[in-house]
Amino acid sequence: GDDLRLAPRPRTAGGIVRTSDAAGRYLLRPLLPGALVRKSDLGTGHDLAGRWIVTLPIDPSALGPQVAAGADALLILSPKDPAVDPEVRKAVEAEALVLAIEKGTSAAPSGRVTLAIPLKERGDVIAALGSSQVFLARQGPTAAARTGRARRNAIGVPSRP
């Protein structure tokens, strides 16, 4: 569409040179109009219809070892102190597609994770965010069966309805 156009510029390593290289993909971070788009600026070609895109701070120790961009994951919001808010007594779990992970640095130890979460789970996630710690685990067949939310298992075979 009108979201991307090619312009005469010197070639840049990793720069998009054909609009077809960006078709069906999404930006991982905001870009100004006219900015150079690199392949590293684009996420995978997953369908994001019906999903809420959100970037959350996350402690690198709260990321499961198998969590990577493009993976199906389980977002777990665990109450920091259940006694403070009696309405938040148990963890909130939500299916999530990991769009990007930014690991923390020595200057900024907390990292960030960008997720696509089904719109139907948005309200529960928003309600729990302020008083919960964020954890992210790889969504495999065992976790998918436990939550009953995953559409596919770890090897890409459609799960049973």
Protein backbone atom coordinates (compact mmCIF):
# COMPACT_ATOMS: atom_id res chain seq x y z
CA GLY A 1 0.00 0.00 0.00
CA ASP A 2 0.98 3.55 0.78
CA ASP A 3 2.92 2.64 3.91
CA LEU A 4 6.24 2.13 2.14
CA ARG A 5 7.81 3.54 -0.97
CA LEU A 6 11.26 3.25 -2.49
CA ALA A 7 13.37 6.39 -2.83
CA PRO A 8 16.74 6.96 -4.49
CA ARG A 9 19.41 6.68 -1.79
CA PRO A 10 22.83 5.14 -1.44
CA ARG A 11 22.52 1.45 -0.58
CA THR A 12 22.72 0.73 3.12
CA ALA A 13 23.58 -2.64 4.68
CA GLY A 14 20.33 -4.31 5.73
CA GLY A 15 18.17 -1.73 3.97
CA ILE A 16 14.94 -2.77 2.23
CA VAL A 17 15.48 -2.60 -1.55
CA ARG A 18 12.13 -4.06 -2.73
CA THR A 19 8.70 -3.36 -1.28
CA SER A 20 8.00 -7.10 -1.49
CA ASP A 21 10.69 -7.60 1.22
CA ALA A 22 8.42 -5.73 3.63
CA ALA A 23 5.02 -7.04 2.49
CA GLY A 24 3.01 -8.57 5.33
CA ARG A 25 5.57 -7.51 7.98
CA TYR A 26 5.26 -4.88 10.71
CA LEU A 27 7.56 -2.30 12.27
CA LEU A 28 9.17 -3.25 15.57
CA ARG A 29 9.64 0.40 16.56
CA PRO A 30 8.24 3.75 15.44
CA LEU A 31 9.97 5.38 12.45
CA LEU A 32 9.66 8.92 11.19
CA PRO A 33 8.22 9.48 7.69
CA GLY A 34 11.01 9.20 5.13
CA ALA A 35 13.26 7.17 7.45
CA LEU A 36 15.31 4.34 6.02
CA VAL A 37 13.69 0.97 6.78
CA ARG A 38 16.10 -1.87 7.51
CA LYS A 39 15.26 -5.56 7.63
CA SER A 40 16.03 -5.48 11.36
CA ASP A 41 13.24 -2.87 11.80
CA LEU A 42 10.63 -5.38 10.63
CA GLY A 43 9.04 -8.24 12.50
CA THR A 44 7.92 -11.59 11.16
CA GLY A 45 5.01 -11.99 8.77
CA HIS A 46 2.51 -13.25 11.37
CA ASP A 47 -1.10 -12.15 11.03
CA LEU A 48 -1.75 -9.56 13.74
CA ALA A 49 -5.47 -9.05 13.12
CA GLY A 50 -7.42 -9.14 16.39
CA ARG A 51 -4.30 -8.60 18.49
CA TRP A 52 -3.21 -5.78 20.77
CA ILE A 53 0.43 -4.74 20.35
CA VAL A 54 2.09 -3.74 23.62
CA THR A 55 5.67 -3.16 24.79
CA LEU A 56 6.34 -4.07 28.41
CA PRO A 57 9.38 -3.68 30.65
CA ILE A 58 10.79 -7.03 31.67
CA ASP A 59 13.65 -8.18 33.86
CA PRO A 60 15.92 -10.35 31.68
CA SER A 61 15.77 -13.07 34.37
CA ALA A 62 11.98 -13.25 33.80
CA LEU A 63 12.42 -14.37 30.17
CA GLY A 64 12.27 -18.10 29.58
CA PRO A 65 15.38 -19.54 27.88
CA GLN A 66 13.49 -20.53 24.71
CA VAL A 67 11.69 -17.19 24.23
CA ALA A 68 12.66 -15.43 20.99
CA ALA A 69 11.10 -13.05 18.49
CA GLY A 70 8.46 -14.87 16.45
CA ALA A 71 7.76 -17.44 19.18
CA ASP A 72 4.39 -18.21 20.71
CA ALA A 73 4.71 -17.50 24.41
CA LEU A 74 2.77 -17.43 27.63
CA LEU A 75 2.67 -14.03 29.33
CA ILE A 76 2.38 -14.44 33.09
CA LEU A 77 1.56 -11.44 35.28
CA SER A 78 2.28 -12.46 38.86
CA PRO A 79 1.09 -10.20 41.71
CA LYS A 80 3.98 -8.38 43.40
CA ASP A 81 2.04 -8.26 46.66
CA PRO A 82 -1.42 -9.92 46.67
CA ALA A 83 -2.18 -8.45 50.10
CA VAL A 84 -2.06 -4.88 48.75
CA ASP A 85 -4.89 -5.37 46.26
CA PRO A 86 -7.40 -8.07 47.22
CA GLU A 87 -8.75 -8.08 43.63
CA VAL A 88 -5.36 -9.28 42.35
CA ARG A 89 -4.80 -12.53 44.15
CA LYS A 90 -3.64 -14.84 41.39
CA ALA A 91 -1.51 -14.64 38.30
CA VAL A 92 -3.01 -13.60 34.96
CA GLU A 93 -1.95 -15.68 31.96
CA ALA A 94 -2.31 -14.65 28.33
CA GLU A 95 -1.28 -16.10 25.00
CA ALA A 96 1.27 -13.85 23.29
CA LEU A 97 3.24 -13.70 20.06
CA VAL A 98 6.71 -12.29 20.75
CA LEU A 99 7.42 -9.53 18.23
CA ALA A 100 10.69 -8.20 19.65
CA ILE A 101 12.96 -8.51 22.67
CA GLU A 102 15.36 -5.80 23.81
CA LYS A 103 17.68 -7.14 26.49
CA GLY A 104 18.77 -4.79 29.24
CA THR A 105 22.23 -3.25 29.38
CA SER A 106 24.49 -2.36 32.30
CA ALA A 107 23.20 1.24 32.03
CA ALA A 108 19.53 0.16 31.82
CA PRO A 109 19.21 -3.34 33.35
CA SER A 110 15.51 -3.76 32.60
CA GLY A 111 14.73 -4.96 29.10
CA ARG A 112 11.60 -4.59 26.99
CA VAL A 113 9.46 -7.09 25.16
CA THR A 114 6.95 -6.27 22.43
CA LEU A 115 4.02 -8.68 22.27
CA ALA A 116 0.88 -9.26 20.21
CA ILE A 117 -1.87 -10.34 22.60
CA PRO A 118 -5.41 -11.38 21.59
CA LEU A 119 -7.80 -8.45 22.06
CA LYS A 120 -10.07 -10.62 24.22
CA GLU A 121 -7.27 -10.83 26.83
CA ARG A 122 -6.39 -7.12 26.78
CA GLY A 123 -8.62 -6.09 29.70
CA ASP A 124 -7.25 -8.74 32.09
CA VAL A 125 -3.67 -7.84 31.15
CA ILE A 126 -4.22 -4.10 31.61
CA ALA A 127 -5.90 -4.67 34.99
CA ALA A 128 -2.95 -6.72 36.26
CA LEU A 129 -0.04 -4.70 34.83
CA GLY A 130 0.30 -2.05 37.54
CA SER A 131 0.57 -4.50 40.41
CA SER A 132 2.29 -7.47 38.79
CA GLN A 133 5.71 -8.69 37.75
CA VAL A 134 6.00 -9.71 34.09
CA PHE A 135 7.25 -13.20 33.12
CA LEU A 136 7.40 -14.76 29.66
CA ALA A 137 7.71 -18.48 28.89
CA ARG A 138 7.85 -20.36 25.59
CA GLN A 139 4.41 -21.72 24.68
CA GLY A 140 4.81 -25.40 23.88
CA PRO A 141 2.38 -28.34 23.85
CA THR A 142 2.37 -28.68 27.66
CA ALA A 143 1.75 -24.98 28.34
CA ALA A 144 -0.79 -24.81 25.51
CA ALA A 145 -2.77 -27.70 26.98
CA ARG A 146 -2.63 -26.13 30.45
CA THR A 147 -3.96 -22.74 29.30
CA GLY A 148 -6.27 -24.07 26.60
CA ARG A 149 -5.44 -20.96 24.55
CA ALA A 150 -2.74 -21.91 22.05
CA ARG A 151 -3.78 -22.36 18.43
CA ARG A 152 -0.74 -24.43 17.48
CA ASN A 153 1.68 -26.62 19.33
CA ALA A 154 5.45 -26.37 19.22
CA ILE A 155 5.81 -28.22 15.90
CA GLY A 156 3.15 -26.21 14.10
CA VAL A 157 0.39 -28.81 13.94
CA PRO A 158 -3.07 -27.28 14.51
CA SER A 159 -4.37 -28.14 17.95
CA ARG A 160 -7.75 -29.79 18.37
CA PRO A 161 -10.74 -27.45 18.86
